[in-house]
Amino acid sequence: MSAQEGQAHAWQVVVAQPYDRGDPGDGVEETVLAAADEAEARRVFADTVATASEAGYAGVALRSSGRDVETWPQATGWTS
């Protein structure tokens, strides 16, 4: 695989599903839904966020080269 090919698929959409919905402290399992170029990954991310609550996802992340670029739910910065 060339370096350019590796860069083309450096984008991922990852969902987090709780191990135990009754115990959020039990952690989550991450699953890669898509590994694609940036445009396709952003499309899949938007589609996934639109249905994330109904699907029971604890979170959705758009990643580039291992770094979260966008996440759902978004951090608000507010503390209690």
PDB file of N, CA and C in Angstrom:
ATOM      1  N   MET A   1       0.849  -1.173   0.000  1.00  0.00           N
ATOM      2  CA  MET A   1       0.000   0.000   0.000  1.00  0.00           C
ATOM      3  C   MET A   1       0.890   1.230   0.000  1.00  0.00           C
ATOM      4  N   SER A   2       0.598   2.172  -0.868  1.00  0.00           N
ATOM      5  CA  SER A   2       1.386   3.391  -0.932  1.00  0.00           C
ATOM      6  C   SER A   2       0.992   4.323   0.216  1.00  0.00           C
ATOM      7  N   ALA A   3       1.823   5.312   0.482  1.00  0.00           N
ATOM      8  CA  ALA A   3       1.521   6.280   1.539  1.00  0.00           C
ATOM      9  C   ALA A   3       0.247   7.040   1.199  1.00  0.00           C
ATOM     10  N   GLN A   4       0.032   7.337  -0.076  1.00  0.00           N
ATOM     11  CA  GLN A   4      -1.167   8.063  -0.481  1.00  0.00           C
ATOM     12  C   GLN A   4      -2.417   7.218  -0.238  1.00  0.00           C
ATOM     13  N   GLU A   5      -2.362   5.920  -0.516  1.00  0.00           N
ATOM     14  CA  GLU A   5      -3.503   5.046  -0.265  1.00  0.00           C
ATOM     15  C   GLU A   5      -3.809   4.983   1.232  1.00  0.00           C
ATOM     16  N   GLY A   6      -2.769   4.931   2.056  1.00  0.00           N
ATOM     17  CA  GLY A   6      -2.957   4.910   3.503  1.00  0.00           C
ATOM     18  C   GLY A   6      -3.626   6.181   3.993  1.00  0.00           C
ATOM     19  N   GLN A   7      -3.259   7.329   3.424  1.00  0.00           N
ATOM     20  CA  GLN A   7      -3.865   8.601   3.785  1.00  0.00           C
ATOM     21  C   GLN A   7      -5.326   8.655   3.354  1.00  0.00           C
ATOM     22  N   ALA A   8      -5.648   8.067   2.208  1.00  0.00           N
ATOM     23  CA  ALA A   8      -7.006   8.124   1.689  1.00  0.00           C
ATOM     24  C   ALA A   8      -7.991   7.445   2.641  1.00  0.00           C
ATOM     25  N   HIS A   9      -7.557   6.432   3.362  1.00  0.00           N
ATOM     26  CA  HIS A   9      -8.445   5.717   4.272  1.00  0.00           C
ATOM     27  C   HIS A   9      -8.079   5.954   5.731  1.00  0.00           C
ATOM     28  N   ALA A  10      -7.480   7.090   6.013  1.00  0.00           N
ATOM     29  CA  ALA A  10      -7.087   7.412   7.379  1.00  0.00           C
ATOM     30  C   ALA A  10      -8.275   7.920   8.195  1.00  0.00           C
ATOM     31  N   TRP A  11      -9.462   8.000   7.583  1.00  0.00           N
ATOM     32  CA  TRP A  11     -10.660   8.469   8.272  1.00  0.00           C
ATOM     33  C   TRP A  11     -11.515   7.275   8.687  1.00  0.00           C
ATOM     34  N   GLN A  12     -12.064   7.351   9.909  1.00  0.00           N
ATOM     35  CA  GLN A  12     -12.925   6.288  10.428  1.00  0.00           C
ATOM     36  C   GLN A  12     -14.130   6.882  11.144  1.00  0.00           C
ATOM     37  N   VAL A  13     -15.232   6.156  11.091  1.00  0.00           N
ATOM     38  CA  VAL A  13     -16.399   6.466  11.911  1.00  0.00           C
ATOM     39  C   VAL A  13     -16.501   5.324  12.914  1.00  0.00           C
ATOM     40  N   VAL A  14     -16.490   5.686  14.191  1.00  0.00           N
ATOM     41  CA  VAL A  14     -16.467   4.702  15.273  1.00  0.00           C
ATOM     42  C   VAL A  14     -17.674   4.941  16.184  1.00  0.00           C
ATOM     43  N   VAL A  15     -18.382   3.861  16.530  1.00  0.00           N
ATOM     44  CA  VAL A  15     -19.490   3.974  17.475  1.00  0.00           C
ATOM     45  C   VAL A  15     -19.115   3.268  18.769  1.00  0.00           C
ATOM     46  N   ALA A  16     -19.655   3.776  19.857  1.00  0.00           N
ATOM     47  CA  ALA A  16     -19.434   3.174  21.175  1.00  0.00           C
ATOM     48  C   ALA A  16     -20.772   2.664  21.684  1.00  0.00           C
ATOM     49  N   GLN A  17     -20.789   1.383  22.053  1.00  0.00           N
ATOM     50  CA  GLN A  17     -21.991   0.763  22.599  1.00  0.00           C
ATOM     51  C   GLN A  17     -21.689   0.297  24.012  1.00  0.00           C
ATOM     52  N   PRO A  18     -22.573   0.624  24.965  1.00  0.00           N
ATOM     53  CA  PRO A  18     -22.330   0.204  26.347  1.00  0.00           C
ATOM     54  C   PRO A  18     -22.361  -1.318  26.482  1.00  0.00           C
ATOM     55  N   TYR A  19     -21.465  -1.830  27.313  1.00  0.00           N
ATOM     56  CA  TYR A  19     -21.502  -3.261  27.621  1.00  0.00           C
ATOM     57  C   TYR A  19     -22.780  -3.606  28.373  1.00  0.00           C
ATOM     58  N   ASP A  20     -23.176  -2.706  29.288  1.00  0.00           N
ATOM     59  CA  ASP A  20     -24.361  -2.925  30.122  1.00  0.00           C
ATOM     60  C   ASP A  20     -25.103  -1.599  30.221  1.00  0.00           C
ATOM     61  N   ARG A  21     -26.241  -1.495  29.541  1.00  0.00           N
ATOM     62  CA  ARG A  21     -27.013  -0.237  29.548  1.00  0.00           C
ATOM     63  C   ARG A  21     -27.434   0.166  30.956  1.00  0.00           C
ATOM     64  N   GLY A  22     -27.571  -0.788  31.843  1.00  0.00           N
ATOM     65  CA  GLY A  22     -27.966  -0.499  33.214  1.00  0.00           C
ATOM     66  C   GLY A  22     -26.828   0.007  34.076  1.00  0.00           C
ATOM     67  N   ASP A  23     -25.597  -0.150  33.605  1.00  0.00           N
ATOM     68  CA  ASP A  23     -24.425   0.275  34.376  1.00  0.00           C
ATOM     69  C   ASP A  23     -23.441   0.998  33.469  1.00  0.00           C
ATOM     70  N   PRO A  24     -23.623   2.323  33.300  1.00  0.00           N
ATOM     71  CA  PRO A  24     -22.740   3.082  32.416  1.00  0.00           C
ATOM     72  C   PRO A  24     -21.264   3.004  32.811  1.00  0.00           C
ATOM     73  N   GLY A  25     -20.998   2.727  34.072  1.00  0.00           N
ATOM     74  CA  GLY A  25     -19.626   2.612  34.544  1.00  0.00           C
ATOM     75  C   GLY A  25     -18.930   1.350  34.070  1.00  0.00           C
ATOM     76  N   ASP A  26     -19.683   0.456  33.433  1.00  0.00           N
ATOM     77  CA  ASP A  26     -19.126  -0.809  32.953  1.00  0.00           C
ATOM     78  C   ASP A  26     -18.327  -0.630  31.658  1.00  0.00           C
ATOM     79  N   GLY A  27     -18.396   0.546  31.063  1.00  0.00           N
ATOM     80  CA  GLY A  27     -17.600   0.821  29.878  1.00  0.00           C
ATOM     81  C   GLY A  27     -18.349   0.605  28.575  1.00  0.00           C
ATOM     82  N   VAL A  28     -17.641   0.813  27.475  1.00  0.00           N
ATOM     83  CA  VAL A  28     -18.228   0.694  26.143  1.00  0.00           C
ATOM     84  C   VAL A  28     -17.329  -0.129  25.239  1.00  0.00           C
ATOM     85  N   GLU A  29     -17.943  -0.679  24.211  1.00  0.00           N
ATOM     86  CA  GLU A  29     -17.205  -1.380  23.167  1.00  0.00           C
ATOM     87  C   GLU A  29     -17.239  -0.509  21.919  1.00  0.00           C
ATOM     88  N   GLU A  30     -16.071  -0.264  21.325  1.00  0.00           N
ATOM     89  CA  GLU A  30     -16.005   0.538  20.112  1.00  0.00           C
ATOM     90  C   GLU A  30     -15.992  -0.358  18.884  1.00  0.00           C
ATOM     91  N   THR A  31     -16.735   0.074  17.855  1.00  0.00           N
ATOM     92  CA  THR A  31     -16.804  -0.639  16.593  1.00  0.00           C
ATOM     93  C   THR A  31     -16.594   0.351  15.459  1.00  0.00           C
ATOM     94  N   VAL A  32     -15.733   0.024  14.516  1.00  0.00           N
ATOM     95  CA  VAL A  32     -15.512   0.871  13.339  1.00  0.00           C
ATOM     96  C   VAL A  32     -16.618   0.571  12.337  1.00  0.00           C
ATOM     97  N   LEU A  33     -17.428   1.581  12.044  1.00  0.00           N
ATOM     98  CA  LEU A  33     -18.500   1.423  11.056  1.00  0.00           C
ATOM     99  C   LEU A  33     -17.990   1.645   9.644  1.00  0.00           C
ATOM    100  N   ALA A  34     -17.043   2.568   9.488  1.00  0.00           N
ATOM    101  CA  ALA A  34     -16.540   2.880   8.148  1.00  0.00           C
ATOM    102  C   ALA A  34     -15.102   3.339   8.226  1.00  0.00           C
ATOM    103  N   ALA A  35     -14.332   2.928   7.241  1.00  0.00           N
ATOM    104  CA  ALA A  35     -12.977   3.424   7.024  1.00  0.00           C
ATOM    105  C   ALA A  35     -12.957   3.879   5.573  1.00  0.00           C
ATOM    106  N   ALA A  36     -12.850   5.184   5.369  1.00  0.00           N
ATOM    107  CA  ALA A  36     -13.027   5.730   4.027  1.00  0.00           C
ATOM    108  C   ALA A  36     -12.251   7.031   3.879  1.00  0.00           C
ATOM    109  N   ASP A  37     -12.412   7.652   2.707  1.00  0.00           N
ATOM    110  CA  ASP A  37     -11.817   8.967   2.528  1.00  0.00           C
ATOM    111  C   ASP A  37     -12.623   9.974   3.360  1.00  0.00           C
ATOM    112  N   GLU A  38     -12.138  11.193   3.460  1.00  0.00           N
ATOM    113  CA  GLU A  38     -12.762  12.175   4.345  1.00  0.00           C
ATOM    114  C   GLU A  38     -14.222  12.445   3.993  1.00  0.00           C
ATOM    115  N   ALA A  39     -14.537  12.658   2.733  1.00  0.00           N
ATOM    116  CA  ALA A  39     -15.907  12.997   2.344  1.00  0.00           C
ATOM    117  C   ALA A  39     -16.886  11.884   2.713  1.00  0.00           C
ATOM    118  N   GLU A  40     -16.536  10.649   2.417  1.00  0.00           N
ATOM    119  CA  GLU A  40     -17.417   9.523   2.730  1.00  0.00           C
ATOM    120  C   GLU A  40     -17.529   9.334   4.235  1.00  0.00           C
ATOM    121  N   ALA A  41     -16.430   9.474   4.967  1.00  0.00           N
ATOM    122  CA  ALA A  41     -16.465   9.316   6.422  1.00  0.00           C
ATOM    123  C   ALA A  41     -17.355  10.382   7.056  1.00  0.00           C
ATOM    124  N   ARG A  42     -17.267  11.611   6.574  1.00  0.00           N
ATOM    125  CA  ARG A  42     -18.125  12.680   7.110  1.00  0.00           C
ATOM    126  C   ARG A  42     -19.603  12.405   6.819  1.00  0.00           C
ATOM    127  N   ARG A  43     -19.914  11.849   5.646  1.00  0.00           N
ATOM    128  CA  ARG A  43     -21.293  11.514   5.313  1.00  0.00           C
ATOM    129  C   ARG A  43     -21.815  10.422   6.251  1.00  0.00           C
ATOM    130  N   VAL A  44     -21.005   9.375   6.446  1.00  0.00           N
ATOM    131  CA  VAL A  44     -21.407   8.277   7.332  1.00  0.00           C
ATOM    132  C   VAL A  44     -21.546   8.786   8.770  1.00  0.00           C
ATOM    133  N   PHE A  45     -20.646   9.652   9.203  1.00  0.00           N
ATOM    134  CA  PHE A  45     -20.721  10.222  10.554  1.00  0.00           C
ATOM    135  C   PHE A  45     -22.038  10.971  10.733  1.00  0.00           C
ATOM    136  N   ALA A  46     -22.392  11.842   9.788  1.00  0.00           N
ATOM    137  CA  ALA A  46     -23.629  12.616   9.889  1.00  0.00           C
ATOM    138  C   ALA A  46     -24.844  11.697   9.918  1.00  0.00           C
ATOM    139  N   ASP A  47     -24.872  10.689   9.053  1.00  0.00           N
ATOM    140  CA  ASP A  47     -25.988   9.741   9.032  1.00  0.00           C
ATOM    141  C   ASP A  47     -26.085   8.969  10.345  1.00  0.00           C
ATOM    142  N   THR A  48     -24.936   8.582  10.892  1.00  0.00           N
ATOM    143  CA  THR A  48     -24.905   7.801  12.133  1.00  0.00           C
ATOM    144  C   THR A  48     -25.349   8.642  13.321  1.00  0.00           C
ATOM    145  N   VAL A  49     -24.902   9.895  13.382  1.00  0.00           N
ATOM    146  CA  VAL A  49     -25.317  10.792  14.471  1.00  0.00           C
ATOM    147  C   VAL A  49     -26.829  11.002  14.435  1.00  0.00           C
ATOM    148  N   ALA A  50     -27.404  11.090  13.239  1.00  0.00           N
ATOM    149  CA  ALA A  50     -28.843  11.323  13.102  1.00  0.00           C
ATOM    150  C   ALA A  50     -29.672  10.200  13.715  1.00  0.00           C
ATOM    151  N   THR A  51     -29.123   9.004  13.774  1.00  0.00           N
ATOM    152  CA  THR A  51     -29.868   7.858  14.311  1.00  0.00           C
ATOM    153  C   THR A  51     -29.225   7.269  15.568  1.00  0.00           C
ATOM    154  N   ALA A  52     -28.226   7.945  16.122  1.00  0.00           N
ATOM    155  CA  ALA A  52     -27.450   7.399  17.242  1.00  0.00           C
ATOM    156  C   ALA A  52     -28.298   7.109  18.473  1.00  0.00           C
ATOM    157  N   SER A  53     -29.196   7.999  18.829  1.00  0.00           N
ATOM    158  CA  SER A  53     -30.026   7.782  20.021  1.00  0.00           C
ATOM    159  C   SER A  53     -30.902   6.552  19.861  1.00  0.00           C
ATOM    160  N   GLU A  54     -31.561   6.447  18.691  1.00  0.00           N
ATOM    161  CA  GLU A  54     -32.438   5.293  18.466  1.00  0.00           C
ATOM    162  C   GLU A  54     -31.645   3.989  18.425  1.00  0.00           C
ATOM    163  N   ALA A  55     -30.406   4.054  17.934  1.00  0.00           N
ATOM    164  CA  ALA A  55     -29.571   2.852  17.843  1.00  0.00           C
ATOM    165  C   ALA A  55     -28.974   2.468  19.194  1.00  0.00           C
ATOM    166  N   GLY A  56     -29.076   3.352  20.179  1.00  0.00           N
ATOM    167  CA  GLY A  56     -28.558   3.056  21.510  1.00  0.00           C
ATOM    168  C   GLY A  56     -27.068   3.285  21.667  1.00  0.00           C
ATOM    169  N   TYR A  57     -26.477   4.095  20.772  1.00  0.00           N
ATOM    170  CA  TYR A  57     -25.046   4.360  20.882  1.00  0.00           C
ATOM    171  C   TYR A  57     -24.768   5.313  22.031  1.00  0.00           C
ATOM    172  N   ALA A  58     -23.702   5.048  22.751  1.00  0.00           N
ATOM    173  CA  ALA A  58     -23.262   5.945  23.808  1.00  0.00           C
ATOM    174  C   ALA A  58     -22.455   7.100  23.224  1.00  0.00           C
ATOM    175  N   GLY A  59     -21.894   6.886  22.036  1.00  0.00           N
ATOM    176  CA  GLY A  59     -21.112   7.926  21.385  1.00  0.00           C
ATOM    177  C   GLY A  59     -20.764   7.543  19.961  1.00  0.00           C
ATOM    178  N   VAL A  60     -20.455   8.563  19.167  1.00  0.00           N
ATOM    179  CA  VAL A  60     -20.019   8.388  17.786  1.00  0.00           C
ATOM    180  C   VAL A  60     -18.825   9.312  17.594  1.00  0.00           C
ATOM    181  N   ALA A  61     -17.788   8.816  16.929  1.00  0.00           N
ATOM    182  CA  ALA A  61     -16.607   9.641  16.688  1.00  0.00           C
ATOM    183  C   ALA A  61     -16.202   9.576  15.221  1.00  0.00           C
ATOM    184  N   LEU A  62     -15.788  10.719  14.704  1.00  0.00           N
ATOM    185  CA  LEU A  62     -15.166  10.810  13.392  1.00  0.00           C
ATOM    186  C   LEU A  62     -13.684  10.983  13.668  1.00  0.00           C
ATOM    187  N   ARG A  63     -12.884  10.033  13.207  1.00  0.00           N
ATOM    188  CA  ARG A  63     -11.448  10.045  13.503  1.00  0.00           C
ATOM    189  C   ARG A  63     -10.617  10.177  12.238  1.00  0.00           C
ATOM    190  N   SER A  64      -9.541  10.901  12.374  1.00  0.00           N
ATOM    191  CA  SER A  64      -8.561  11.029  11.300  1.00  0.00           C
ATOM    192  C   SER A  64      -7.203  10.726  11.885  1.00  0.00           C
ATOM    193  N   SER A  65      -6.545   9.713  11.344  1.00  0.00           N
ATOM    194  CA  SER A  65      -5.217   9.310  11.807  1.00  0.00           C
ATOM    195  C   SER A  65      -5.190   9.083  13.317  1.00  0.00           C
ATOM    196  N   GLY A  66      -6.274   8.476  13.841  1.00  0.00           N
ATOM    197  CA  GLY A  66      -6.325   8.128  15.252  1.00  0.00           C
ATOM    198  C   GLY A  66      -6.785   9.225  16.192  1.00  0.00           C
ATOM    199  N   ARG A  67      -7.066  10.434  15.668  1.00  0.00           N
ATOM    200  CA  ARG A  67      -7.512  11.544  16.513  1.00  0.00           C
ATOM    201  C   ARG A  67      -8.975  11.840  16.257  1.00  0.00           C
ATOM    202  N   ASP A  68      -9.739  12.091  17.320  1.00  0.00           N
ATOM    203  CA  ASP A  68     -11.143  12.464  17.169  1.00  0.00           C
ATOM    204  C   ASP A  68     -11.235  13.872  16.593  1.00  0.00           C
ATOM    205  N   VAL A  69     -11.927  13.981  15.455  1.00  0.00           N
ATOM    206  CA  VAL A  69     -12.130  15.271  14.798  1.00  0.00           C
ATOM    207  C   VAL A  69     -13.484  15.851  15.210  1.00  0.00           C
ATOM    208  N   GLU A  70     -14.494  14.980  15.252  1.00  0.00           N
ATOM    209  CA  GLU A  70     -15.830  15.361  15.712  1.00  0.00           C
ATOM    210  C   GLU A  70     -16.366  14.211  16.554  1.00  0.00           C
ATOM    211  N   THR A  71     -17.201  14.559  17.528  1.00  0.00           N
ATOM    212  CA  THR A  71     -17.806  13.528  18.369  1.00  0.00           C
ATOM    213  C   THR A  71     -19.269  13.858  18.638  1.00  0.00           C
ATOM    214  N   TRP A  72     -20.020  12.835  18.944  1.00  0.00           N
ATOM    215  CA  TRP A  72     -21.386  12.963  19.428  1.00  0.00           C
ATOM    216  C   TRP A  72     -21.512  12.058  20.623  1.00  0.00           C
ATOM    217  N   PRO A  73     -22.121  12.483  21.700  1.00  0.00           N
ATOM    218  CA  PRO A  73     -22.627  13.834  21.909  1.00  0.00           C
ATOM    219  C   PRO A  73     -21.470  14.807  22.083  1.00  0.00           C
ATOM    220  N   GLN A  74     -21.716  16.049  21.741  1.00  0.00           N
ATOM    221  CA  GLN A  74     -20.671  17.052  21.850  1.00  0.00           C
ATOM    222  C   GLN A  74     -20.470  17.449  23.301  1.00  0.00           C
ATOM    223  N   ALA A  75     -19.220  17.647  23.669  1.00  0.00           N
ATOM    224  CA  ALA A  75     -18.913  18.131  25.024  1.00  0.00           C
ATOM    225  C   ALA A  75     -19.369  19.584  25.112  1.00  0.00           C
ATOM    226  N   THR A  76     -20.038  19.929  26.205  1.00  0.00           N
ATOM    227  CA  THR A  76     -20.562  21.285  26.350  1.00  0.00           C
ATOM    228  C   THR A  76     -19.622  22.203  27.106  1.00  0.00           C
ATOM    229  N   GLY A  77     -18.747  21.627  27.893  1.00  0.00           N
ATOM    230  CA  GLY A  77     -17.872  22.453  28.713  1.00  0.00           C
ATOM    231  C   GLY A  77     -18.493  22.807  30.056  1.00  0.00           C
ATOM    232  N   TRP A  78     -19.778  22.502  30.229  1.00  0.00           N
ATOM    233  CA  TRP A  78     -20.467  22.789  31.480  1.00  0.00           C
ATOM    234  C   TRP A  78     -20.151  21.679  32.486  1.00  0.00           C
ATOM    235  N   THR A  79     -20.023  22.079  33.717  1.00  0.00           N
ATOM    236  CA  THR A  79     -19.808  21.104  34.789  1.00  0.00           C
ATOM    237  C   THR A  79     -20.907  21.248  35.815  1.00  0.00           C
ATOM    238  N   SER A  80     -21.155  20.203  36.540  1.00  0.00           N
ATOM    239  CA  SER A  80     -22.212  20.296  37.575  1.00  0.00           C
ATOM    240  C   SER A  80     -21.624  20.490  38.933  1.00  0.00           C
TER     241      SER A  80
END
